[in-house]
């Protein structure tokens, strides 16, 4: 199995020892506390889960700026995006203090982690603009990631953390949420050597199903890990439980037994396109995958990124040897009426036109499902479409 990123062994920041964790929860009750942003909470969950290995806590301003500029910390660690705890008001918080980080996404704001404060620094307007432009390639506040990054405050509290739970992810998604360590254990138990990871924040239709199959066949993989985002999405996205049910049905009916693990991780989508694709590669290596499928407009939103920017960044900006995981570069996949199967559009025989493919926009799919109209079987498996239709009709 591939080594984790940046270390020989995976070092999740979740405190696994029950007695130690209980003592920390007790300690937290007497500490100065702060309700963190949803993004900072998600970062804590990802560090707790081992996905952001080898980080030991939140980055300081110098590291955040260096990572934004060239995807490398001041100490030389490759990392594609700043992992920060930014707040509006850090008054009373000083270096050396231990503080309780409270969860903004769970009722009552229970303690999520304890942080040992290394520094409290203010990012200037210029610093924020620089990081925003480098990570998101735009400063447009209509971009959901840009908006989230620029509306939580500009004071960075850096330092190591000890994670006490996995927020709402483990309780709300017990069948799906898995840590990087748990996925490594599953891969080992399955005896898989080559493992393809598929990132999704949407239900999987036939094009996605075939893309996973193509990647497995071409890379001669033993198994695939479908790895769902379980955190905050943008309005209109399908809830994780509905998406999970649809994906489980697809795998149950259309993949051989014991070839696919259906899992999820707790994070808020950045919609950062190329930079987020690289982050996806880092944490898929940490969970033990050997290959990550990166498709058209991977992790993008709107028209902020070119269709293949998330692939070219691995050639043009990721230093040689920075990651061990390999990228399976995919084009848009769709059902060809001429060939009677799903293919990558760039591999279509000469003479294929757009009209030869079954293509439906997300908007069209949602409208059809809400109206109770069956999706074409070339586009969606009927059993999957039914689960989605039931959801849309329950919202009507």
Protein backbone atom coordinates (compact mmCIF):
# COMPACT_ATOMS: atom_id res chain seq x y z
CA UNK A 1 0.00 0.00 0.00
CA UNK A 2 1.20 3.54 -0.73
CA UNK A 3 2.75 5.42 2.15
CA UNK A 4 0.71 8.34 3.47
CA UNK A 5 1.66 11.81 2.28
CA UNK A 6 4.62 13.27 4.19
CA UNK A 7 5.24 10.43 6.67
CA UNK A 8 5.87 6.70 6.92
CA UNK A 9 2.75 6.01 8.94
CA UNK A 10 -0.64 7.67 9.12
CA UNK A 11 -0.97 9.99 12.11
CA UNK A 12 -4.62 10.93 12.60
CA UNK A 13 -5.16 13.67 15.20
CA UNK A 14 -8.25 12.03 16.74
CA UNK A 15 -7.51 11.01 20.32
CA UNK A 16 -8.40 7.30 20.10
CA UNK A 17 -7.66 6.42 23.73
CA UNK A 18 -10.99 6.60 25.60
CA UNK A 19 -9.51 7.60 28.97
CA UNK A 20 -7.27 10.28 27.45
CA UNK A 21 -10.15 11.63 25.40
CA UNK A 22 -12.45 11.78 28.43
CA UNK A 23 -9.74 13.68 30.35
CA UNK A 24 -9.42 16.17 27.48
CA UNK A 25 -13.19 16.70 27.33
CA UNK A 26 -13.05 17.44 31.07
CA UNK A 27 -10.11 19.81 30.56
CA UNK A 28 -11.96 21.59 27.74
CA UNK A 29 -14.76 22.55 30.13
CA UNK A 30 -12.31 24.81 32.00
CA UNK A 31 -10.61 26.32 28.94
CA UNK A 32 -11.32 29.51 27.05
CA UNK A 33 -13.56 28.47 24.17
CA UNK A 34 -14.38 29.75 20.72
CA UNK A 35 -17.04 28.64 18.20
CA UNK A 36 -15.07 28.03 15.00
CA UNK A 37 -16.29 28.42 11.42
CA UNK A 38 -17.76 25.47 9.55
CA UNK A 39 -14.62 25.40 7.37
CA UNK A 40 -12.30 25.27 10.41
CA UNK A 41 -14.46 22.53 11.96
CA UNK A 42 -14.25 20.53 8.72
CA UNK A 43 -10.47 20.99 8.72
CA UNK A 44 -10.36 19.58 12.27
CA UNK A 45 -12.43 16.56 11.20
CA UNK A 46 -10.13 15.95 8.22
CA UNK A 47 -7.03 16.19 10.43
CA UNK A 48 -8.69 13.98 13.03
CA UNK A 49 -9.51 11.42 10.32
CA UNK A 50 -5.93 11.28 9.02
CA UNK A 51 -6.90 12.69 5.63
CA UNK A 52 -4.71 15.79 6.04
CA UNK A 53 -1.65 13.83 7.19
CA UNK A 54 1.03 14.91 8.12
CA UNK A 55 -0.40 18.19 9.44
CA UNK A 56 -0.46 18.44 13.23
CA UNK A 57 -2.72 21.49 13.39
CA UNK A 58 -3.75 24.74 11.75
CA UNK A 59 -1.25 26.66 9.63
CA UNK A 60 0.13 30.07 10.56
CA UNK A 61 0.09 33.07 8.24
CA UNK A 62 3.54 32.47 6.73
CA UNK A 63 2.69 28.85 5.90
CA UNK A 64 -0.75 29.81 4.57
CA UNK A 65 0.76 32.41 2.27
CA UNK A 66 3.52 30.03 1.12
CA UNK A 67 1.02 27.24 0.45
CA UNK A 68 -1.25 29.63 -1.44
CA UNK A 69 1.66 30.84 -3.55
CA UNK A 70 3.51 27.61 -4.34
CA UNK A 71 1.74 24.71 -2.58
CA UNK A 72 4.62 24.28 -0.12
CA UNK A 73 4.90 25.29 3.54
CA UNK A 74 7.86 27.34 4.80
CA UNK A 75 9.28 24.04 6.09
CA UNK A 76 9.11 22.44 2.63
CA UNK A 77 6.02 20.24 3.02
CA UNK A 78 3.92 19.95 -0.14
CA UNK A 79 0.31 20.94 0.58
CA UNK A 80 -2.12 22.46 -1.94
CA UNK A 81 -4.38 24.73 0.15
CA UNK A 82 -4.07 26.64 3.44
CA UNK A 83 -5.58 24.67 6.36
CA UNK A 84 -6.58 27.43 8.76
CA UNK A 85 -8.64 28.39 11.78
CA UNK A 86 -9.72 31.92 10.90
CA UNK A 87 -11.94 33.92 13.24
CA UNK A 88 -13.31 37.44 13.50
CA UNK A 89 -12.35 38.01 17.10
CA UNK A 90 -9.49 36.33 18.96
CA UNK A 91 -9.38 38.74 21.88
CA UNK A 92 -8.05 37.10 25.01
CA UNK A 93 -6.37 34.30 23.03
CA UNK A 94 -2.56 34.29 23.25
CA UNK A 95 0.29 32.02 22.19
CA UNK A 96 0.86 29.18 24.65
CA UNK A 97 -2.78 28.98 25.71
CA UNK A 98 -4.89 25.87 25.27
CA UNK A 99 -8.35 26.66 23.91
CA UNK A 100 -11.48 24.61 23.29
CA UNK A 101 -12.75 24.70 19.70
CA UNK A 102 -16.52 24.44 19.65
CA UNK A 103 -18.49 22.86 16.82
CA UNK A 104 -20.71 25.32 14.88
CA UNK A 105 -22.60 22.51 13.14
CA UNK A 106 -23.91 20.59 16.15
CA UNK A 107 -26.66 21.83 18.44
CA UNK A 108 -25.29 23.20 21.70
CA UNK A 109 -21.83 23.76 20.14
CA UNK A 110 -20.03 20.86 21.89
CA UNK A 111 -16.24 20.79 22.01
CA UNK A 112 -14.71 19.39 18.82
CA UNK A 113 -11.01 19.78 19.54
CA UNK A 114 -8.46 21.37 21.85
CA UNK A 115 -5.87 23.64 20.25
CA UNK A 116 -2.51 24.62 21.71
CA UNK A 117 -2.10 28.14 20.36
CA UNK A 118 1.21 28.81 18.59
CA UNK A 119 0.37 32.23 17.15
CA UNK A 120 -2.48 34.68 16.67
CA UNK A 121 -2.01 36.73 13.51
CA UNK A 122 -4.10 39.05 11.39
CA UNK A 123 -4.09 38.61 7.63
CA UNK A 124 -4.20 41.98 5.90
CA UNK A 125 -6.67 42.72 3.13
CA UNK A 126 -3.76 42.21 0.71
CA UNK A 127 -2.93 38.84 2.28
CA UNK A 128 -6.54 37.69 2.00
CA UNK A 129 -6.77 38.85 -1.61
CA UNK A 130 -3.49 37.08 -2.45
CA UNK A 131 -4.56 33.78 -0.89
CA UNK A 132 -8.01 33.97 -2.46
CA UNK A 133 -6.66 34.60 -5.95
CA UNK A 134 -4.00 31.88 -5.71
CA UNK A 135 -6.27 29.16 -4.30
CA UNK A 136 -9.53 29.94 -6.11
CA UNK A 137 -8.16 31.71 -9.23
CA UNK A 138 -10.87 34.37 -8.79
CA UNK A 139 -11.88 37.04 -6.27
CA UNK A 140 -15.56 36.88 -7.20
CA UNK A 141 -17.65 36.73 -4.02
CA UNK A 142 -20.36 34.90 -5.99
CA UNK A 143 -17.99 31.92 -6.00
CA UNK A 144 -19.14 29.84 -2.98
CA UNK A 145 -15.59 28.96 -1.90
CA UNK A 146 -14.37 32.55 -2.17
CA UNK A 147 -17.37 33.72 -0.19
CA UNK A 148 -16.82 31.12 2.57
CA UNK A 149 -13.09 31.94 2.81
CA UNK A 150 -13.65 35.69 3.03
CA UNK A 151 -16.59 35.89 5.44
CA UNK A 152 -15.32 34.17 8.60
CA UNK A 153 -12.79 36.76 9.73
CA UNK A 154 -9.11 37.34 8.98
CA UNK A 155 -7.43 36.43 12.28
CA UNK A 156 -5.51 33.15 12.08
CA UNK A 157 -5.12 31.03 15.20
CA UNK A 158 -2.39 28.51 14.43
CA UNK A 159 -1.12 25.55 16.41
CA UNK A 160 -1.50 21.85 17.05
CA UNK A 161 -4.87 20.28 17.78
CA UNK A 162 -6.22 17.19 19.52
CA UNK A 163 -9.51 16.09 17.94
CA UNK A 164 -12.18 14.71 20.26
CA UNK A 165 -14.90 13.63 17.80
CA UNK A 166 -15.90 13.69 14.14
CA UNK A 167 -18.64 16.33 14.47
CA UNK A 168 -22.00 15.27 12.99
CA UNK A 169 -20.48 13.09 10.28
CA UNK A 170 -20.09 9.89 12.28
CA UNK A 171 -23.53 10.15 13.92
CA UNK A 172 -25.50 11.34 10.86
CA UNK A 173 -23.77 9.02 8.36
CA UNK A 174 -22.74 5.90 10.33
CA UNK A 175 -22.91 3.63 7.25
CA UNK A 176 -20.80 5.93 5.09
CA UNK A 177 -18.42 8.10 7.10
CA UNK A 178 -14.97 6.51 7.33
CA UNK A 179 -11.59 7.79 8.42
CA UNK A 180 -8.48 7.38 6.28
CA UNK A 181 -7.28 4.71 8.72
CA UNK A 182 -10.55 2.76 8.38
CA UNK A 183 -10.33 2.83 4.59
CA UNK A 184 -6.71 1.63 4.71
CA UNK A 185 -7.86 -1.23 6.93
CA UNK A 186 -10.70 -2.12 4.50
CA UNK A 187 -8.30 -2.10 1.52
CA UNK A 188 -5.91 -4.39 3.40
CA UNK A 189 -8.71 -6.72 4.49
CA UNK A 190 -9.94 -6.95 0.87
CA UNK A 191 -6.41 -7.81 -0.26
CA UNK A 192 -6.47 -5.00 -2.84
CA UNK A 193 -3.16 -3.78 -4.25
CA UNK A 194 -4.30 -1.29 -6.88
CA UNK A 195 -7.20 0.89 -5.79
CA UNK A 196 -9.06 3.54 -7.77
CA UNK A 197 -10.68 6.41 -5.84
CA UNK A 198 -13.75 8.21 -7.21
CA UNK A 199 -14.72 11.59 -5.76
CA UNK A 200 -18.37 12.55 -5.84
CA UNK A 201 -20.74 15.13 -4.42
CA UNK A 202 -23.59 14.00 -6.69
CA UNK A 203 -25.54 10.80 -7.34
CA UNK A 204 -23.83 8.50 -9.84
CA UNK A 205 -25.49 7.89 -13.18
CA UNK A 206 -24.42 5.49 -15.91
CA UNK A 207 -21.64 7.76 -17.14
CA UNK A 208 -20.05 7.82 -13.66
CA UNK A 209 -20.58 4.10 -13.19
CA UNK A 210 -18.82 3.34 -16.47
CA UNK A 211 -16.03 5.80 -15.69
CA UNK A 212 -15.21 3.89 -12.50
CA UNK A 213 -15.34 0.63 -14.44
CA UNK A 214 -13.09 2.02 -17.20
CA UNK A 215 -10.53 3.24 -14.67
CA UNK A 216 -10.52 -0.11 -12.87
CA UNK A 217 -10.06 -2.02 -16.12
CA UNK A 218 -7.39 0.26 -17.62
CA UNK A 219 -5.35 0.46 -14.42
CA UNK A 220 -5.90 -3.24 -13.70
CA UNK A 221 -7.24 -2.28 -10.27
CA UNK A 222 -8.46 -4.78 -7.68
CA UNK A 223 -11.08 -2.44 -6.26
CA UNK A 224 -12.58 1.02 -6.17
CA UNK A 225 -13.40 3.34 -3.29
CA UNK A 226 -16.34 5.62 -4.01
CA UNK A 227 -15.62 8.50 -1.64
CA UNK A 228 -18.53 10.86 -1.07
CA UNK A 229 -18.35 14.36 0.29
CA UNK A 230 -20.63 14.48 3.33
CA UNK A 231 -20.12 18.12 4.34
CA UNK A 232 -21.63 21.41 3.30
CA UNK A 233 -22.65 21.75 -0.32
CA UNK A 234 -24.25 24.54 -2.26
CA UNK A 235 -28.04 25.02 -2.39
CA UNK A 236 -29.75 22.59 -4.78
CA UNK A 237 -27.25 19.76 -4.30
CA UNK A 238 -28.77 16.39 -3.34
CA UNK A 239 -28.46 15.53 0.38
CA UNK A 240 -25.81 12.97 1.28
CA UNK A 241 -28.23 10.32 2.60
CA UNK A 242 -30.24 10.28 -0.66
CA UNK A 243 -27.06 10.28 -2.73
CA UNK A 244 -25.68 7.43 -0.60
CA UNK A 245 -28.79 5.30 -1.04
CA UNK A 246 -28.68 5.79 -4.83
CA UNK A 247 -24.98 4.90 -5.04
CA UNK A 248 -25.43 1.80 -2.84
CA UNK A 249 -28.22 0.56 -5.10
CA UNK A 250 -26.05 1.07 -8.21
CA UNK A 251 -23.09 -0.82 -6.69
CA UNK A 252 -25.31 -3.63 -5.37
CA UNK A 253 -26.89 -4.26 -8.78
CA UNK A 254 -24.19 -3.39 -11.29
CA UNK A 255 -20.75 -4.16 -9.81
CA UNK A 256 -19.34 -7.59 -8.88
CA UNK A 257 -19.40 -8.31 -5.13
CA UNK A 258 -16.41 -7.13 -3.07
CA UNK A 259 -15.00 -4.82 -5.72
CA UNK A 260 -16.31 -1.47 -4.43
CA UNK A 261 -16.21 0.23 -1.02
CA UNK A 262 -18.80 3.00 -0.53
CA UNK A 263 -17.46 5.55 1.90
CA UNK A 264 -17.62 9.23 2.78
CA UNK A 265 -15.57 11.97 4.37
CA UNK A 266 -16.45 15.05 6.41
CA UNK A 267 -15.45 18.28 4.70
CA UNK A 268 -16.99 21.45 3.31
CA UNK A 269 -16.59 21.66 -0.47
CA UNK A 270 -14.20 24.45 -1.51
CA UNK A 271 -15.21 24.44 -5.19
CA UNK A 272 -11.57 25.39 -5.83
CA UNK A 273 -11.23 23.37 -9.05
CA UNK A 274 -7.54 22.59 -9.75
CA UNK A 275 -6.26 23.25 -6.21
CA UNK A 276 -9.04 21.15 -4.71
CA UNK A 277 -8.24 18.32 -7.15
CA UNK A 278 -4.70 18.28 -5.75
CA UNK A 279 -6.08 18.28 -2.20
CA UNK A 280 -8.27 15.33 -3.24
CA UNK A 281 -5.14 13.51 -4.41
CA UNK A 282 -3.35 14.16 -1.10
CA UNK A 283 -6.11 12.71 1.01
CA UNK A 284 -6.82 9.79 -1.35
CA UNK A 285 -3.14 8.82 -1.01
CA UNK A 286 -3.56 9.10 2.76
CA UNK A 287 -6.48 6.66 2.66
CA UNK A 288 -4.48 4.14 0.62
CA UNK A 289 -5.71 4.63 -2.96
CA UNK A 290 -3.16 4.22 -5.77
CA UNK A 291 -5.17 6.15 -8.39
CA UNK A 292 -7.61 9.08 -8.32
CA UNK A 293 -10.05 9.67 -11.16
CA UNK A 294 -9.94 13.35 -12.14
CA UNK A 295 -12.57 14.16 -14.70
CA UNK A 296 -13.81 17.15 -16.59
CA UNK A 297 -14.31 20.26 -14.39
CA UNK A 298 -13.30 18.30 -11.28
CA UNK A 299 -14.30 20.17 -8.07
CA UNK A 300 -15.32 23.21 -10.09
CA UNK A 301 -18.35 25.45 -10.02
CA UNK A 302 -19.84 27.66 -12.73
CA UNK A 303 -17.37 28.70 -15.43
CA UNK A 304 -14.47 29.69 -13.18
CA UNK A 305 -12.13 26.97 -14.45
CA UNK A 306 -11.32 25.40 -17.78
CA UNK A 307 -12.70 21.88 -18.30
CA UNK A 308 -9.31 20.20 -17.81
CA UNK A 309 -7.49 22.66 -15.52
CA UNK A 310 -7.81 20.12 -12.68
CA UNK A 311 -5.73 17.68 -14.74
CA UNK A 312 -3.10 20.05 -16.14
CA UNK A 313 -2.21 21.35 -12.65
CA UNK A 314 -0.67 17.93 -11.90
CA UNK A 315 1.63 18.33 -14.92
CA UNK A 316 2.40 22.03 -14.62
CA UNK A 317 2.42 22.88 -10.92
CA UNK A 318 2.73 19.76 -8.76
CA UNK A 319 6.47 19.09 -8.27
CA UNK A 320 7.85 15.77 -9.47
CA UNK A 321 7.68 13.22 -6.65
CA UNK A 322 5.45 15.36 -4.40
CA UNK A 323 2.74 12.70 -4.49
CA UNK A 324 2.87 8.95 -5.04
CA UNK A 325 -0.76 8.58 -6.09
CA UNK A 326 -1.38 8.47 -9.86
CA UNK A 327 -4.07 10.47 -11.66
CA UNK A 328 -6.46 8.72 -14.02
CA UNK A 329 -7.38 11.53 -16.42
CA UNK A 330 -10.91 11.27 -17.74
CA UNK A 331 -12.99 13.15 -20.24
CA UNK A 332 -16.74 13.62 -20.08
CA UNK A 333 -18.41 10.22 -20.42
CA UNK A 334 -21.79 9.70 -22.06
CA UNK A 335 -23.92 7.05 -23.75
CA UNK A 336 -23.30 6.80 -27.49
CA UNK A 337 -26.47 5.96 -29.41
CA UNK A 338 -24.30 4.84 -32.35
CA UNK A 339 -22.22 2.40 -30.30
CA UNK A 340 -24.89 1.44 -27.75
CA UNK A 341 -22.61 2.01 -24.75
CA UNK A 342 -21.04 4.67 -22.53
CA UNK A 343 -17.71 5.99 -23.82
CA UNK A 344 -15.34 8.84 -23.14
CA UNK A 345 -16.32 11.56 -25.58
CA UNK A 346 -12.73 12.20 -26.67
CA UNK A 347 -12.53 8.52 -27.69
CA UNK A 348 -15.61 8.65 -29.92
CA UNK A 349 -14.98 7.28 -33.42
CA UNK A 350 -14.77 9.83 -36.20
CA UNK A 351 -18.14 11.10 -37.31
CA UNK A 352 -19.69 11.25 -33.83
CA UNK A 353 -21.54 14.48 -33.15
CA UNK A 354 -23.07 15.84 -29.96
CA UNK A 355 -26.44 14.57 -31.17
CA UNK A 356 -25.12 11.01 -31.07
CA UNK A 357 -24.81 11.16 -27.26
CA UNK A 358 -27.51 11.08 -24.59
CA UNK A 359 -26.72 14.31 -22.72
CA UNK A 360 -28.89 15.84 -20.01
CA UNK A 361 -28.05 18.89 -17.93
CA UNK A 362 -28.37 18.73 -14.17
CA UNK A 363 -31.19 21.25 -14.38
CA UNK A 364 -33.07 19.08 -16.89
CA UNK A 365 -32.56 15.94 -14.76
CA UNK A 366 -33.88 17.69 -11.64
CA UNK A 367 -36.92 19.01 -13.53
CA UNK A 368 -37.75 15.57 -14.95
CA UNK A 369 -37.41 13.84 -11.58
CA UNK A 370 -39.50 16.48 -9.83
CA UNK A 371 -42.21 16.03 -12.48
CA UNK A 372 -42.14 12.24 -12.03
CA UNK A 373 -40.78 11.70 -15.56
CA UNK A 374 -38.58 8.64 -16.08
CA UNK A 375 -34.98 9.38 -17.05
CA UNK A 376 -33.72 7.67 -20.21
CA UNK A 377 -32.24 4.26 -19.31
CA UNK A 378 -29.15 5.19 -21.35
CA UNK A 379 -28.56 8.01 -18.86
CA UNK A 380 -29.59 6.53 -15.51
CA UNK A 381 -30.22 3.12 -14.03
CA UNK A 382 -33.97 2.87 -13.35
CA UNK A 383 -33.43 1.71 -9.76
CA UNK A 384 -31.20 4.73 -9.09
CA UNK A 385 -33.58 7.13 -10.80
CA UNK A 386 -36.46 5.89 -8.64
CA UNK A 387 -34.64 6.76 -5.40
CA UNK A 388 -33.93 10.26 -6.73
CA UNK A 389 -37.45 10.72 -8.07
CA UNK A 390 -38.94 9.79 -4.70
CA UNK A 391 -36.74 12.42 -3.06
CA UNK A 392 -37.61 15.19 -5.53
CA UNK A 393 -41.30 14.45 -5.36
CA UNK A 394 -41.20 14.51 -1.55
CA UNK A 395 -39.79 18.07 -1.84
CA UNK A 396 -42.48 19.27 -4.22
